Amino acid sequence: MIPLSTRMRPGTLDDFVGQEHFMYKGSLFYNSIKNKTFNSAIFYGPSGTGKTTLARLIAREMDANFHEINASTTGTKELKEIIENARVKLFGLQKEKTYLYIDEFHRWNKLQQDSLLKALEEGVLRFIGSTTENPYFAVNNAVLSRVRSIYEFKPLSRENIYKILLSALNNKEHGLGNFSLSWEEEALYSLADMSSGDARIALDTLGFIAENIEPGEKISLALVGEAMQRQTLFYDRKEDKYNLLSALQKSIRGSDPDASIHYLARLLDGGADVQEVGRRLVVIASEDVGMAYPQAISIVTSCVQASLMVGMPEARIILAQAVLLLASSPKSNTSIMAIDKAMGDLKKKNIDDVPLHLKDAHYSGAKDRGHGIGYKYPHDFGGYVKQQYLPDNLHKAGTKYYFPTENGREKAFKQFLERINKGHYED
């Protein structure tokens, strides 16, 4: 039987769910498809987020010839045949454009990727490549330079997946609408959460449940837990994981290790994803502990990586160590305050250019433009020398973004900065 995730692929662009940061009515991305001006692109992101689906929808909207191949099973011989056919269709009587979608593009080596270059330069075909790897590392620079845009696909939100599941349950043509199913709303939210942003996992799990429950049986939290082999205790309308994650962060910020461990336990007991909890802990290490204990982020990152390596149930021990460390550490929010204040200035003020003496002087002609002239190399002065670093108008205004506290290790940084500002670097 065809998987539910395959049957439920959207048929039109307007049915596509997710990636709202670039895909929405009126966006340049959306308009380029509707105006039939969409060119080549690379789609980058985790599985089940819509990369293949969107590529197919684009080809359909563009009324173009479409080829889809997978880099793990297709080589350059097949690619050359596609390029030759595209050349005939474009320059022959048909005048038809060709879109080539290559899934898992990162699996091709440099020579295979370079086979596309001439066709892209000549405009013989339009190329859409998808990859789960960072394209700036996995794709050749020569290919990147010929592709106008790289679109990052993010894991689908809980609401996105819930919407997709609901559509599948009600769709009589392609989905489960003819099964006369009933369900608990909390069960669908639970499945959405447990799918970790992957619509394919969510839909195929729903299809598995629908095909194997007793007639008249309701899709419940227990069934979702059984299908996913995960606990489903905290997923309800009154208290979801976002409340628990919020309570965890606020308890750590408040330096209450007992409450912090309590909320970690509730998250893990409810089947929360280790990676999602880990991401929150890494953010806390900078946002709430920060400069008061700079080593915290390194330790917490190591704990999160170790947790992902060993998995549950042992991961609970390592995550507990990270939580206790953060809750018991001195606190400083100066990092987030400094960057937010600086970014706020960029939006509200007309900022002067980089001072000439700070500009790059490592190229021919730089000195003729005044770049780098007058720059004092601090190490030639024992490690510190007083000179201007901020743009002129910010310097004249005495702009400051970092206001160190006296908490933990940050007190030493504050004392150091105060000494050099007073001209006492060597004290």
Protein backbone atom coordinates (compact mmCIF):
# COMPACT_ATOMS: atom_id res chain seq x y z
CA MET A 1 0.00 0.00 0.00
CA ILE A 2 1.23 3.50 -0.84
CA PRO A 3 2.39 5.28 2.37
CA LEU A 4 0.08 7.99 3.68
CA SER A 5 2.91 10.54 3.45
CA THR A 6 3.16 9.89 -0.30
CA ARG A 7 -0.59 10.01 -0.88
CA MET A 8 -0.93 13.27 1.04
CA ARG A 9 1.68 15.27 -0.87
CA PRO A 10 0.03 18.62 -1.69
CA GLY A 11 -1.15 19.08 -5.26
CA THR A 12 -0.86 22.87 -5.42
CA LEU A 13 1.49 25.50 -4.11
CA ASP A 14 -1.22 26.96 -1.88
CA ASP A 15 -1.68 23.59 -0.17
CA PHE A 16 1.97 23.49 0.92
CA VAL A 17 2.44 23.74 4.69
CA GLY A 18 5.51 25.07 6.47
CA GLN A 19 8.65 27.13 5.74
CA GLU A 20 6.76 30.37 6.29
CA HIS A 21 10.03 32.27 6.66
CA PHE A 22 10.35 32.29 2.86
CA MET A 23 7.26 30.54 1.47
CA TYR A 24 4.07 32.58 1.81
CA LYS A 25 1.69 34.43 -0.51
CA GLY A 26 3.33 37.63 -1.66
CA SER A 27 6.89 36.54 -0.83
CA LEU A 28 9.55 36.88 -3.52
CA PHE A 29 9.88 33.09 -3.51
CA TYR A 30 6.14 32.57 -4.03
CA ASN A 31 5.87 35.32 -6.64
CA SER A 32 8.84 33.99 -8.63
CA ILE A 33 7.00 30.69 -9.04
CA LYS A 34 3.67 32.28 -9.94
CA ASN A 35 5.43 34.66 -12.36
CA LYS A 36 7.37 31.72 -13.82
CA THR A 37 10.73 33.41 -13.15
CA PHE A 38 12.02 30.88 -10.62
CA ASN A 39 15.57 29.88 -11.48
CA SER A 40 17.97 27.43 -9.86
CA ALA A 41 18.16 26.89 -6.10
CA ILE A 42 19.43 24.62 -3.37
CA PHE A 43 17.06 23.38 -0.66
CA TYR A 44 18.84 22.63 2.60
CA GLY A 45 17.36 21.08 5.73
CA PRO A 46 16.34 17.90 7.58
CA SER A 47 14.19 15.13 6.15
CA GLY A 48 10.42 15.41 6.03
CA THR A 49 10.31 19.21 5.81
CA GLY A 50 9.02 19.51 2.23
CA LYS A 51 12.09 19.83 0.00
CA THR A 52 11.06 17.22 -2.57
CA THR A 53 7.40 18.20 -2.42
CA LEU A 54 8.15 21.86 -3.08
CA ALA A 55 10.50 21.04 -5.96
CA ARG A 56 7.73 19.02 -7.66
CA LEU A 57 5.20 21.79 -7.10
CA ILE A 58 7.56 24.35 -8.63
CA ALA A 59 8.03 22.25 -11.76
CA ARG A 60 4.25 21.82 -12.05
CA GLU A 61 3.62 25.56 -11.68
CA MET A 62 6.31 26.40 -14.21
CA ASP A 63 4.75 24.14 -16.88
CA ALA A 64 8.22 22.76 -17.48
CA ASN A 65 9.77 19.42 -18.30
CA PHE A 66 10.75 17.84 -14.98
CA HIS A 67 13.33 15.20 -14.07
CA GLU A 68 13.91 13.90 -10.58
CA ILE A 69 16.92 11.81 -9.62
CA ASN A 70 18.63 10.74 -6.40
CA ALA A 71 22.36 11.30 -6.15
CA SER A 72 22.82 8.10 -4.13
CA THR A 73 21.57 5.92 -7.02
CA THR A 74 22.21 7.99 -10.16
CA GLY A 75 25.52 8.81 -11.79
CA THR A 76 26.86 11.20 -14.43
CA LYS A 77 25.85 8.96 -17.34
CA GLU A 78 22.15 9.50 -16.59
CA LEU A 79 22.81 13.19 -15.92
CA LYS A 80 24.38 13.66 -19.37
CA GLU A 81 21.34 12.08 -21.01
CA ILE A 82 19.02 14.47 -19.13
CA ILE A 83 21.15 17.47 -20.10
CA GLU A 84 21.16 16.46 -23.78
CA ASN A 85 17.38 16.00 -23.79
CA ALA A 86 16.99 19.38 -22.06
CA ARG A 87 19.17 20.98 -24.75
CA VAL A 88 16.98 19.54 -27.50
CA LYS A 89 13.76 20.67 -25.81
CA LEU A 90 15.07 24.20 -25.17
CA PHE A 91 16.67 24.91 -28.53
CA GLY A 92 14.37 22.77 -30.66
CA LEU A 93 10.84 23.44 -31.82
CA GLN A 94 9.37 22.88 -28.36
CA LYS A 95 11.27 25.75 -26.65
CA GLU A 96 10.50 23.97 -23.37
CA LYS A 97 12.41 24.58 -20.14
CA THR A 98 13.67 21.68 -18.07
CA TYR A 99 13.90 21.50 -14.30
CA LEU A 100 16.23 18.93 -12.79
CA TYR A 101 15.73 18.01 -9.15
CA ILE A 102 18.62 16.12 -7.53
CA ASP A 103 17.84 14.73 -4.10
CA GLU A 104 20.71 14.15 -1.66
CA PHE A 105 22.95 16.25 -3.91
CA HIS A 106 25.72 16.21 -1.30
CA ARG A 107 26.34 12.52 -2.07
CA TRP A 108 27.92 13.39 -5.41
CA ASN A 109 31.66 14.00 -5.43
CA LYS A 110 33.26 17.15 -6.83
CA LEU A 111 33.65 15.73 -10.35
CA GLN A 112 30.02 14.64 -10.49
CA GLN A 113 28.76 18.00 -9.19
CA ASP A 114 30.91 19.82 -11.74
CA SER A 115 29.13 17.93 -14.54
CA LEU A 116 26.28 20.42 -14.08
CA LEU A 117 28.35 23.57 -14.57
CA LYS A 118 28.24 23.97 -18.35
CA ALA A 119 24.50 23.27 -18.53
CA LEU A 120 23.85 25.85 -15.80
CA GLU A 121 26.05 28.46 -17.46
CA GLU A 122 24.32 28.00 -20.82
CA GLY A 123 20.85 27.99 -19.24
CA VAL A 124 20.11 24.56 -20.70
CA LEU A 125 18.32 23.54 -17.51
CA ARG A 126 17.18 24.90 -14.18
CA PHE A 127 18.55 23.01 -11.20
CA ILE A 128 17.09 22.36 -7.76
CA GLY A 129 19.30 20.39 -5.42
CA SER A 130 18.30 19.21 -1.97
CA THR A 131 20.64 18.24 0.83
CA THR A 132 20.52 17.53 4.53
CA GLU A 133 24.13 18.74 4.80
CA ASN A 134 25.25 22.34 5.01
CA PRO A 135 25.65 23.28 1.31
CA TYR A 136 28.50 25.66 2.07
CA PHE A 137 30.52 22.59 3.05
CA ALA A 138 28.87 19.85 0.96
CA VAL A 139 28.44 21.62 -2.39
CA ASN A 140 31.24 22.86 -4.63
CA ASN A 141 31.78 26.61 -4.71
CA ALA A 142 31.56 26.54 -8.51
CA VAL A 143 28.02 25.17 -8.29
CA LEU A 144 27.04 27.56 -5.50
CA SER A 145 28.17 30.55 -7.56
CA ARG A 146 25.79 29.53 -10.38
CA VAL A 147 22.79 28.98 -8.12
CA ARG A 148 21.01 32.18 -7.13
CA SER A 149 19.56 31.14 -3.78
CA ILE A 150 19.96 28.69 -0.95
CA TYR A 151 16.76 28.13 1.03
CA GLU A 152 17.02 26.62 4.49
CA PHE A 153 14.13 24.30 5.37
CA LYS A 154 13.45 24.20 9.09
CA PRO A 155 11.76 21.38 11.05
CA LEU A 156 8.01 21.81 10.83
CA SER A 157 6.34 23.37 13.83
CA ARG A 158 3.91 21.52 16.05
CA GLU A 159 1.06 23.52 14.53
CA ASN A 160 2.21 22.74 10.97
CA ILE A 161 2.25 19.00 11.58
CA TYR A 162 -1.06 19.10 13.46
CA LYS A 163 -2.61 20.83 10.44
CA ILE A 164 -1.16 18.18 8.11
CA LEU A 165 -2.45 15.32 10.30
CA LEU A 166 -5.92 16.86 10.50
CA SER A 167 -6.00 17.23 6.74
CA ALA A 168 -5.05 13.56 6.28
CA LEU A 169 -7.81 12.43 8.65
CA ASN A 170 -10.45 14.38 6.75
CA ASN A 171 -9.26 13.84 3.19
CA LYS A 172 -11.46 11.22 1.52
CA GLU A 173 -9.65 11.14 -1.81
CA HIS A 174 -6.06 10.60 -0.70
CA GLY A 175 -6.18 10.37 3.09
CA LEU A 176 -8.10 8.57 5.81
CA GLY A 177 -11.46 10.30 5.43
CA ASN A 178 -13.22 7.09 4.44
CA PHE A 179 -12.05 5.24 7.57
CA SER A 180 -14.60 7.04 9.79
CA LEU A 181 -11.96 7.55 12.46
CA SER A 182 -12.30 9.40 15.74
CA TRP A 183 -9.41 10.85 17.70
CA GLU A 184 -8.32 12.74 20.78
CA GLU A 185 -6.98 16.18 19.93
CA GLU A 186 -4.19 15.66 22.47
CA ALA A 187 -3.16 12.50 20.63
CA LEU A 188 -2.61 14.44 17.40
CA TYR A 189 -0.62 17.11 19.23
CA SER A 190 1.43 14.37 20.87
CA LEU A 191 2.18 12.79 17.49
CA ALA A 192 3.08 16.20 16.10
CA ASP A 193 5.51 16.79 18.95
CA MET A 194 7.10 13.36 18.79
CA SER A 195 7.73 13.59 15.05
CA SER A 196 10.49 16.16 15.64
CA GLY A 197 9.41 18.39 12.78
CA ASP A 198 9.27 15.53 10.24
CA ALA A 199 5.89 15.37 8.43
CA ARG A 200 6.76 12.03 6.85
CA ILE A 201 7.19 10.36 10.23
CA ALA A 202 3.96 11.92 11.53
CA LEU A 203 1.84 10.89 8.54
CA ASP A 204 3.21 7.36 8.21
CA THR A 205 2.75 6.77 11.95
CA LEU A 206 -0.84 7.99 11.67
CA GLY A 207 -1.37 5.67 8.72
CA PHE A 208 0.07 2.74 10.70
CA ILE A 209 -2.31 3.43 13.59
CA ALA A 210 -5.35 3.84 11.31
CA GLU A 211 -4.69 0.54 9.54
CA ASN A 212 -4.28 -1.47 12.73
CA ILE A 213 -6.82 -0.24 15.30
CA GLU A 214 -10.07 -2.03 16.05
CA PRO A 215 -13.27 -0.78 14.35
CA GLY A 216 -14.68 2.14 16.33
CA GLU A 217 -11.52 2.53 18.43
CA LYS A 218 -10.44 6.13 19.02
CA ILE A 219 -6.90 7.32 18.25
CA SER A 220 -5.64 8.04 21.76
CA LEU A 221 -2.51 9.18 23.55
CA ALA A 222 -1.83 5.58 24.50
CA LEU A 223 -2.01 4.41 20.87
CA VAL A 224 0.31 7.19 19.75
CA GLY A 225 2.76 6.26 22.50
CA GLU A 226 2.60 2.60 21.46
CA ALA A 227 3.14 3.43 17.79
CA MET A 228 6.07 5.73 18.53
CA GLN A 229 7.36 3.57 21.41
CA ARG A 230 7.48 6.71 23.53
CA GLN A 231 5.77 8.00 26.68
CA THR A 232 2.95 10.52 26.21
CA LEU A 233 2.29 11.73 29.72
CA PHE A 234 2.58 15.49 29.56
CA TYR A 235 0.99 16.17 26.21
CA ASP A 236 -2.32 17.73 27.08
CA ARG A 237 -4.08 21.05 26.57
CA LYS A 238 -3.39 22.29 30.11
CA GLU A 239 0.36 21.83 30.23
CA ASP A 240 2.46 21.20 27.13
CA LYS A 241 6.19 20.94 26.67
CA TYR A 242 6.59 24.64 25.94
CA ASN A 243 5.34 25.50 29.42
CA LEU A 244 7.72 22.95 30.92
CA LEU A 245 10.68 24.24 28.88
CA SER A 246 9.82 27.76 30.00
CA ALA A 247 9.62 26.66 33.62
CA LEU A 248 12.95 24.85 33.27
CA GLN A 249 14.72 27.95 31.95
CA LYS A 250 13.19 30.27 34.52
CA SER A 251 14.09 27.91 37.36
CA ILE A 252 17.70 27.72 36.13
CA ARG A 253 17.76 31.52 35.75
CA GLY A 254 16.49 31.75 39.33
CA SER A 255 19.31 29.47 40.55
CA ASP A 256 16.93 26.85 41.94
CA PRO A 257 18.53 23.45 41.17
CA ASP A 258 15.70 21.48 42.77
CA ALA A 259 12.96 23.08 40.65
CA SER A 260 15.21 22.83 37.58
CA ILE A 261 15.69 19.09 38.01
CA HIS A 262 11.97 18.69 38.67
CA TYR A 263 11.04 20.23 35.32
CA LEU A 264 13.75 18.28 33.51
CA ALA A 265 12.29 15.08 34.98
CA ARG A 266 8.80 16.01 33.82
CA LEU A 267 10.05 16.74 30.32
CA LEU A 268 11.92 13.46 30.03
CA ASP A 269 9.15 11.44 31.67
CA GLY A 270 6.73 12.87 29.14
CA GLY A 271 8.87 11.78 26.22
CA ALA A 272 10.44 15.14 25.35
CA ASP A 273 13.06 14.99 22.64
CA VAL A 274 16.59 14.98 24.06
CA GLN A 275 17.82 17.21 21.26
CA GLU A 276 15.16 19.85 21.90
CA VAL A 277 15.88 19.94 25.64
CA GLY A 278 19.60 20.09 24.82
CA ARG A 279 19.15 23.06 22.50
CA ARG A 280 17.36 24.98 25.25
CA LEU A 281 20.17 24.23 27.73
CA VAL A 282 22.84 25.49 25.32
CA VAL A 283 20.91 28.74 24.87
CA ILE A 284 20.55 29.11 28.65
CA ALA A 285 24.31 28.69 29.03
CA SER A 286 24.84 31.91 27.06
CA GLU A 287 21.64 33.82 27.74
CA ASP A 288 21.47 33.40 31.52
CA VAL A 289 24.92 32.28 32.70
CA GLY A 290 27.07 33.85 30.03
CA MET A 291 30.12 35.79 31.10
CA ALA A 292 29.61 34.99 34.79
CA TYR A 293 30.90 31.49 33.99
CA PRO A 294 32.08 31.42 30.34
CA GLN A 295 33.09 27.74 30.51
CA ALA A 296 29.46 26.73 31.09
CA ILE A 297 28.59 26.68 27.39
CA SER A 298 31.48 24.32 26.59
CA ILE A 299 30.53 21.94 29.38
CA VAL A 300 26.82 22.04 28.54
CA THR A 301 27.50 21.51 24.84
CA SER A 302 29.61 18.46 25.70
CA CYS A 303 26.80 17.15 27.93
CA VAL A 304 24.23 17.59 25.16
CA GLN A 305 26.45 15.85 22.61
CA ALA A 306 27.08 12.98 25.03
CA SER A 307 23.34 12.68 25.71
CA LEU A 308 22.61 12.36 22.01
CA MET A 309 25.37 9.78 21.71
CA VAL A 310 24.16 7.45 24.45
CA GLY A 311 20.41 8.10 24.17
CA MET A 312 17.79 7.49 26.80
CA PRO A 313 17.62 6.37 29.56
CA GLU A 314 21.29 7.13 30.33
CA ALA A 315 21.00 10.56 28.72
CA ARG A 316 18.92 11.67 31.71
CA ILE A 317 22.05 11.53 33.92
CA ILE A 318 24.12 13.71 31.61
CA LEU A 319 21.32 16.22 31.07
CA ALA A 320 20.83 16.38 34.84
CA GLN A 321 24.50 17.29 35.23
CA ALA A 322 24.09 20.12 32.71
CA VAL A 323 20.95 21.40 34.44
CA LEU A 324 22.54 21.32 37.90
CA LEU A 325 25.64 23.10 36.61
CA LEU A 326 23.58 25.88 35.04
CA ALA A 327 21.26 26.29 38.01
CA SER A 328 24.20 26.43 40.44
CA SER A 329 26.29 28.87 38.38
CA PRO A 330 26.48 32.64 38.87
CA LYS A 331 24.27 34.46 36.38
CA SER A 332 24.79 37.21 33.82
CA ASN A 333 22.61 38.25 30.88
CA THR A 334 25.11 40.76 29.52
CA SER A 335 25.68 38.77 26.31
CA ILE A 336 22.07 38.94 25.15
CA MET A 337 21.70 42.52 26.37
CA ALA A 338 24.82 43.62 24.45
CA ILE A 339 23.95 41.99 21.12
CA ASP A 340 20.30 43.08 21.24
CA LYS A 341 21.32 46.68 21.99
CA ALA A 342 23.84 46.65 19.13
CA MET A 343 21.34 45.17 16.67
CA GLY A 344 18.77 47.70 17.83
CA ASP A 345 21.15 50.52 16.91
CA LEU A 346 21.60 49.06 13.43
CA LYS A 347 17.85 49.27 12.88
CA LYS A 348 17.34 52.72 14.39
CA LYS A 349 20.52 54.67 13.61
CA ASN A 350 22.47 55.68 10.53
CA ILE A 351 25.81 54.12 11.42
CA ASP A 352 29.09 55.52 10.03
CA ASP A 353 31.48 53.36 8.04
CA VAL A 354 34.25 51.22 9.54
CA PRO A 355 37.17 53.52 10.52
CA LEU A 356 39.86 53.56 7.82
CA HIS A 357 42.62 52.27 10.09
CA LEU A 358 40.55 49.12 10.82
CA LYS A 359 39.81 48.26 7.20
CA ASP A 360 41.52 45.34 5.47
CA ALA A 361 44.95 46.32 4.18
CA HIS A 362 46.04 42.91 2.86
CA TYR A 363 45.63 43.64 -0.85
CA SER A 364 47.27 45.77 -3.50
CA GLY A 365 46.04 49.34 -3.51
CA ALA A 366 44.66 49.29 0.03
CA LYS A 367 47.11 51.95 1.24
CA ASP A 368 46.16 54.21 -1.68
CA ARG A 369 42.64 54.19 -0.27
CA GLY A 370 43.87 54.90 3.25
CA HIS A 371 43.00 51.44 4.52
CA GLY A 372 44.94 50.23 7.54
CA ILE A 373 47.05 53.37 7.87
CA GLY A 374 47.60 54.31 11.49
CA TYR A 375 46.44 50.97 12.91
CA LYS A 376 48.27 50.05 16.11
CA TYR A 377 48.90 46.33 16.59
CA PRO A 378 48.10 45.73 20.31
CA HIS A 379 50.63 42.92 20.69
CA ASP A 380 53.41 45.36 19.80
CA PHE A 381 52.40 47.37 22.85
CA GLY A 382 52.34 44.53 25.35
CA GLY A 383 48.78 43.38 24.61
CA TYR A 384 46.81 46.62 24.69
CA VAL A 385 46.96 50.08 23.15
CA LYS A 386 44.31 52.75 23.23
CA GLN A 387 42.74 53.51 19.83
CA GLN A 388 39.31 53.99 18.25
CA TYR A 389 37.38 50.88 17.16
CA LEU A 390 33.74 51.99 16.90
CA PRO A 391 32.45 53.90 13.84
CA ASP A 392 32.92 57.67 14.23
CA ASN A 393 29.42 58.67 15.30
CA LEU A 394 29.12 55.85 17.84
CA HIS A 395 32.59 56.65 19.20
CA LYS A 396 31.79 60.34 19.58
CA ALA A 397 28.57 59.45 21.38
CA GLY A 398 30.48 57.24 23.83
CA THR A 399 28.36 54.24 22.89
CA LYS A 400 28.59 51.21 25.18
CA TYR A 401 26.92 47.84 24.74
CA TYR A 402 28.62 45.66 27.31
CA PHE A 403 28.00 46.41 30.97
CA PRO A 404 29.71 43.62 32.93
CA THR A 405 28.35 42.51 36.27
CA GLU A 406 30.36 41.50 39.32
CA ASN A 407 28.89 37.99 39.29
CA GLY A 408 31.25 35.04 39.16
CA ARG A 409 34.09 35.15 36.63
CA GLU A 410 32.65 38.28 35.03
CA LYS A 411 33.95 40.36 37.91
CA ALA A 412 37.50 39.70 36.70
CA PHE A 413 36.59 40.79 33.16
CA LYS A 414 34.99 43.94 34.54
CA GLN A 415 38.10 44.77 36.56
CA PHE A 416 40.34 44.18 33.54
CA LEU A 417 38.26 46.49 31.31
CA GLU A 418 38.16 49.17 34.01
CA ARG A 419 41.95 49.04 34.38
CA ILE A 420 42.70 49.43 30.69
CA ASN A 421 40.14 52.22 30.33
CA LYS A 422 42.05 54.07 33.05
CA GLY A 423 45.35 53.38 31.27
CA HIS A 424 46.57 50.82 33.81
CA TYR A 425 46.89 47.76 31.56
CA GLU A 426 49.99 46.40 33.30
CA ASP A 427 48.59 46.66 36.87
